[in-house]
Amino acid sequence: MPRNQISYVEFPATDVVAMKTFYGELFGWTFLDFGDDYAAVESGGLEAGINADPASRSKAPLVMLETSDITAMLTRVQTAGGTITVPIFQYPGGRRFHFVDPNGNELAVIQPDV
């Protein structure tokens, strides 16, 4: 079975600066900006990001699971009863897809570039 572990959480936002200020003051987190609508959390313990891109942000925090075989995992998700909501696509650092589980929770599967 390919590697399957929670490796990233993405927080939806409408204002990256406000989110960075909030979490920075609250927890002391630091950030790495990727343009105006995305910031990666650098010191939160688990890799995370803040996504304010209206075209790609989720409605709730998005848990991402890492795999070493994204194509096989897409098939496994479908076989297990998950519904693919965003097909496999390339993003900076790898490939990913989104799905919803039988209770409507949206998750993503990522395969980092090696």
C-alpha atoms as a PDB file:
ATOM      1  CA  MET A   1       0.000   0.000   0.000  1.00  0.00           C
ATOM      2  CA  PRO A   2       1.364   3.476  -0.833  1.00  0.00           C
ATOM      3  CA  ARG A   3       2.283   5.882   1.953  1.00  0.00           C
ATOM      4  CA  ASN A   4      -0.905   7.394   3.389  1.00  0.00           C
ATOM      5  CA  GLN A   5      -0.584   9.990   6.121  1.00  0.00           C
ATOM      6  CA  ILE A   6      -1.918  13.430   6.906  1.00  0.00           C
ATOM      7  CA  SER A   7       0.775  15.784   5.720  1.00  0.00           C
ATOM      8  CA  TYR A   8      -0.824  19.200   5.099  1.00  0.00           C
ATOM      9  CA  VAL A   9      -3.813  21.297   6.149  1.00  0.00           C
ATOM     10  CA  GLU A  10      -5.032  24.243   4.087  1.00  0.00           C
ATOM     11  CA  PHE A  11      -7.148  26.964   5.693  1.00  0.00           C
ATOM     12  CA  PRO A  12      -9.558  28.883   3.449  1.00  0.00           C
ATOM     13  CA  ALA A  13      -9.460  32.667   3.797  1.00  0.00           C
ATOM     14  CA  THR A  14     -10.655  35.873   2.240  1.00  0.00           C
ATOM     15  CA  ASP A  15      -7.791  37.925   3.688  1.00  0.00           C
ATOM     16  CA  VAL A  16      -4.340  36.300   3.948  1.00  0.00           C
ATOM     17  CA  VAL A  17      -2.849  39.246   5.848  1.00  0.00           C
ATOM     18  CA  ALA A  18      -5.564  39.074   8.530  1.00  0.00           C
ATOM     19  CA  MET A  19      -5.099  35.306   8.894  1.00  0.00           C
ATOM     20  CA  LYS A  20      -1.315  35.659   9.162  1.00  0.00           C
ATOM     21  CA  THR A  21      -1.721  38.368  11.801  1.00  0.00           C
ATOM     22  CA  PHE A  22      -4.234  36.297  13.774  1.00  0.00           C
ATOM     23  CA  TYR A  23      -2.277  33.026  13.789  1.00  0.00           C
ATOM     24  CA  GLY A  24       1.053  34.811  14.107  1.00  0.00           C
ATOM     25  CA  GLU A  25      -0.076  36.670  17.231  1.00  0.00           C
ATOM     26  CA  LEU A  26      -2.031  33.715  18.635  1.00  0.00           C
ATOM     27  CA  PHE A  27       0.518  30.916  18.138  1.00  0.00           C
ATOM     28  CA  GLY A  28       3.707  32.674  17.028  1.00  0.00           C
ATOM     29  CA  TRP A  29       3.546  31.056  13.582  1.00  0.00           C
ATOM     30  CA  THR A  30       5.698  32.397  10.755  1.00  0.00           C
ATOM     31  CA  PHE A  31       4.795  32.327   7.069  1.00  0.00           C
ATOM     32  CA  LEU A  32       6.217  32.128   3.566  1.00  0.00           C
ATOM     33  CA  ASP A  33       4.178  34.075   0.999  1.00  0.00           C
ATOM     34  CA  PHE A  34       3.383  32.689  -2.449  1.00  0.00           C
ATOM     35  CA  GLY A  35       1.799  35.722  -4.100  1.00  0.00           C
ATOM     36  CA  ASP A  36      -1.034  37.754  -2.610  1.00  0.00           C
ATOM     37  CA  ASP A  37      -3.482  34.902  -2.045  1.00  0.00           C
ATOM     38  CA  TYR A  38      -1.420  32.087  -0.496  1.00  0.00           C
ATOM     39  CA  ALA A  39       0.907  31.751   2.481  1.00  0.00           C
ATOM     40  CA  ALA A  40       2.545  28.607   3.804  1.00  0.00           C
ATOM     41  CA  VAL A  41       2.782  28.137   7.566  1.00  0.00           C
ATOM     42  CA  GLU A  42       6.439  27.559   8.427  1.00  0.00           C
ATOM     43  CA  SER A  43       6.320  26.883  12.163  1.00  0.00           C
ATOM     44  CA  GLY A  44       2.993  25.238  12.994  1.00  0.00           C
ATOM     45  CA  GLY A  45       4.229  21.694  13.634  1.00  0.00           C
ATOM     46  CA  LEU A  46       2.344  20.235  10.656  1.00  0.00           C
ATOM     47  CA  GLU A  47       2.754  21.726   7.213  1.00  0.00           C
ATOM     48  CA  ALA A  48      -0.126  24.073   6.461  1.00  0.00           C
ATOM     49  CA  GLY A  49      -1.181  26.938   4.248  1.00  0.00           C
ATOM     50  CA  ILE A  50      -3.680  29.773   3.953  1.00  0.00           C
ATOM     51  CA  ASN A  51      -5.544  29.936   0.630  1.00  0.00           C
ATOM     52  CA  ALA A  52      -7.444  33.092  -0.320  1.00  0.00           C
ATOM     53  CA  ASP A  53      -7.771  32.339  -4.044  1.00  0.00           C
ATOM     54  CA  PRO A  54     -11.544  32.433  -4.684  1.00  0.00           C
ATOM     55  CA  ALA A  55     -11.128  30.014  -7.598  1.00  0.00           C
ATOM     56  CA  SER A  56      -9.453  27.261  -5.572  1.00  0.00           C
ATOM     57  CA  ARG A  57     -10.066  27.697  -1.835  1.00  0.00           C
ATOM     58  CA  SER A  58     -12.208  25.153  -0.043  1.00  0.00           C
ATOM     59  CA  LYS A  59     -15.213  25.991   2.145  1.00  0.00           C
ATOM     60  CA  ALA A  60     -13.647  24.442   5.267  1.00  0.00           C
ATOM     61  CA  PRO A  61     -10.115  23.505   6.302  1.00  0.00           C
ATOM     62  CA  LEU A  62      -8.786  20.970   3.798  1.00  0.00           C
ATOM     63  CA  VAL A  63      -6.865  17.971   5.142  1.00  0.00           C
ATOM     64  CA  MET A  64      -4.353  16.582   2.672  1.00  0.00           C
ATOM     65  CA  LEU A  65      -3.069  13.014   2.733  1.00  0.00           C
ATOM     66  CA  GLU A  66       0.249  12.152   1.126  1.00  0.00           C
ATOM     67  CA  THR A  67       0.655   9.152  -1.146  1.00  0.00           C
ATOM     68  CA  SER A  68       3.441   7.760  -3.286  1.00  0.00           C
ATOM     69  CA  ASP A  69       1.045   6.639  -6.070  1.00  0.00           C
ATOM     70  CA  ILE A  70      -1.642   9.231  -6.761  1.00  0.00           C
ATOM     71  CA  THR A  71      -3.236   7.333  -9.650  1.00  0.00           C
ATOM     72  CA  ALA A  72      -3.699   4.176  -7.581  1.00  0.00           C
ATOM     73  CA  MET A  73      -5.058   6.221  -4.681  1.00  0.00           C
ATOM     74  CA  LEU A  74      -7.649   7.910  -6.907  1.00  0.00           C
ATOM     75  CA  THR A  75      -8.908   4.455  -7.884  1.00  0.00           C
ATOM     76  CA  ARG A  76      -8.915   3.342  -4.218  1.00  0.00           C
ATOM     77  CA  VAL A  77     -10.941   6.413  -3.189  1.00  0.00           C
ATOM     78  CA  GLN A  78     -13.545   5.667  -5.870  1.00  0.00           C
ATOM     79  CA  THR A  79     -13.673   1.958  -5.013  1.00  0.00           C
ATOM     80  CA  ALA A  80     -14.188   2.794  -1.328  1.00  0.00           C
ATOM     81  CA  GLY A  81     -17.174   5.019  -2.169  1.00  0.00           C
ATOM     82  CA  GLY A  82     -15.564   8.468  -2.300  1.00  0.00           C
ATOM     83  CA  THR A  83     -16.547  10.982  -4.959  1.00  0.00           C
ATOM     84  CA  ILE A  84     -13.825  12.814  -6.886  1.00  0.00           C
ATOM     85  CA  THR A  85     -14.584  16.554  -6.851  1.00  0.00           C
ATOM     86  CA  VAL A  86     -11.363  17.862  -8.442  1.00  0.00           C
ATOM     87  CA  PRO A  87      -9.434  15.518 -10.757  1.00  0.00           C
ATOM     88  CA  ILE A  88      -5.648  15.141 -10.535  1.00  0.00           C
ATOM     89  CA  PHE A  89      -3.885  18.425 -11.287  1.00  0.00           C
ATOM     90  CA  GLN A  90      -0.360  19.796 -11.054  1.00  0.00           C
ATOM     91  CA  TYR A  91       0.437  22.412  -8.408  1.00  0.00           C
ATOM     92  CA  PRO A  92       3.766  23.879  -7.226  1.00  0.00           C
ATOM     93  CA  GLY A  93       5.446  20.945  -5.509  1.00  0.00           C
ATOM     94  CA  GLY A  94       3.489  18.013  -6.906  1.00  0.00           C
ATOM     95  CA  ARG A  95       0.096  16.719  -7.988  1.00  0.00           C
ATOM     96  CA  ARG A  96      -3.182  16.420  -6.108  1.00  0.00           C
ATOM     97  CA  PHE A  97      -6.883  15.658  -6.349  1.00  0.00           C
ATOM     98  CA  HIS A  98      -9.867  16.359  -4.093  1.00  0.00           C
ATOM     99  CA  PHE A  99     -12.678  14.050  -3.012  1.00  0.00           C
ATOM    100  CA  VAL A 100     -15.585  13.878  -0.610  1.00  0.00           C
ATOM    101  CA  ASP A 101     -16.126  10.956   1.726  1.00  0.00           C
ATOM    102  CA  PRO A 102     -19.573   9.336   2.227  1.00  0.00           C
ATOM    103  CA  ASN A 103     -20.406  11.983   4.877  1.00  0.00           C
ATOM    104  CA  GLY A 104     -19.527  14.954   2.664  1.00  0.00           C
ATOM    105  CA  ASN A 105     -16.109  15.831   4.142  1.00  0.00           C
ATOM    106  CA  GLU A 106     -13.760  17.182   1.495  1.00  0.00           C
ATOM    107  CA  LEU A 107     -10.148  15.954   1.585  1.00  0.00           C
ATOM    108  CA  ALA A 108      -7.253  16.005  -0.846  1.00  0.00           C
ATOM    109  CA  VAL A 109      -4.565  13.511  -1.791  1.00  0.00           C
ATOM    110  CA  ILE A 110      -1.135  14.837  -2.741  1.00  0.00           C
ATOM    111  CA  GLN A 111       1.914  13.274  -4.313  1.00  0.00           C
ATOM    112  CA  PRO A 112       4.919  15.530  -3.900  1.00  0.00           C
ATOM    113  CA  ASP A 113       7.454  15.927  -6.693  1.00  0.00           C
ATOM    114  CA  VAL A 114      10.531  13.896  -5.913  1.00  0.00           C
END
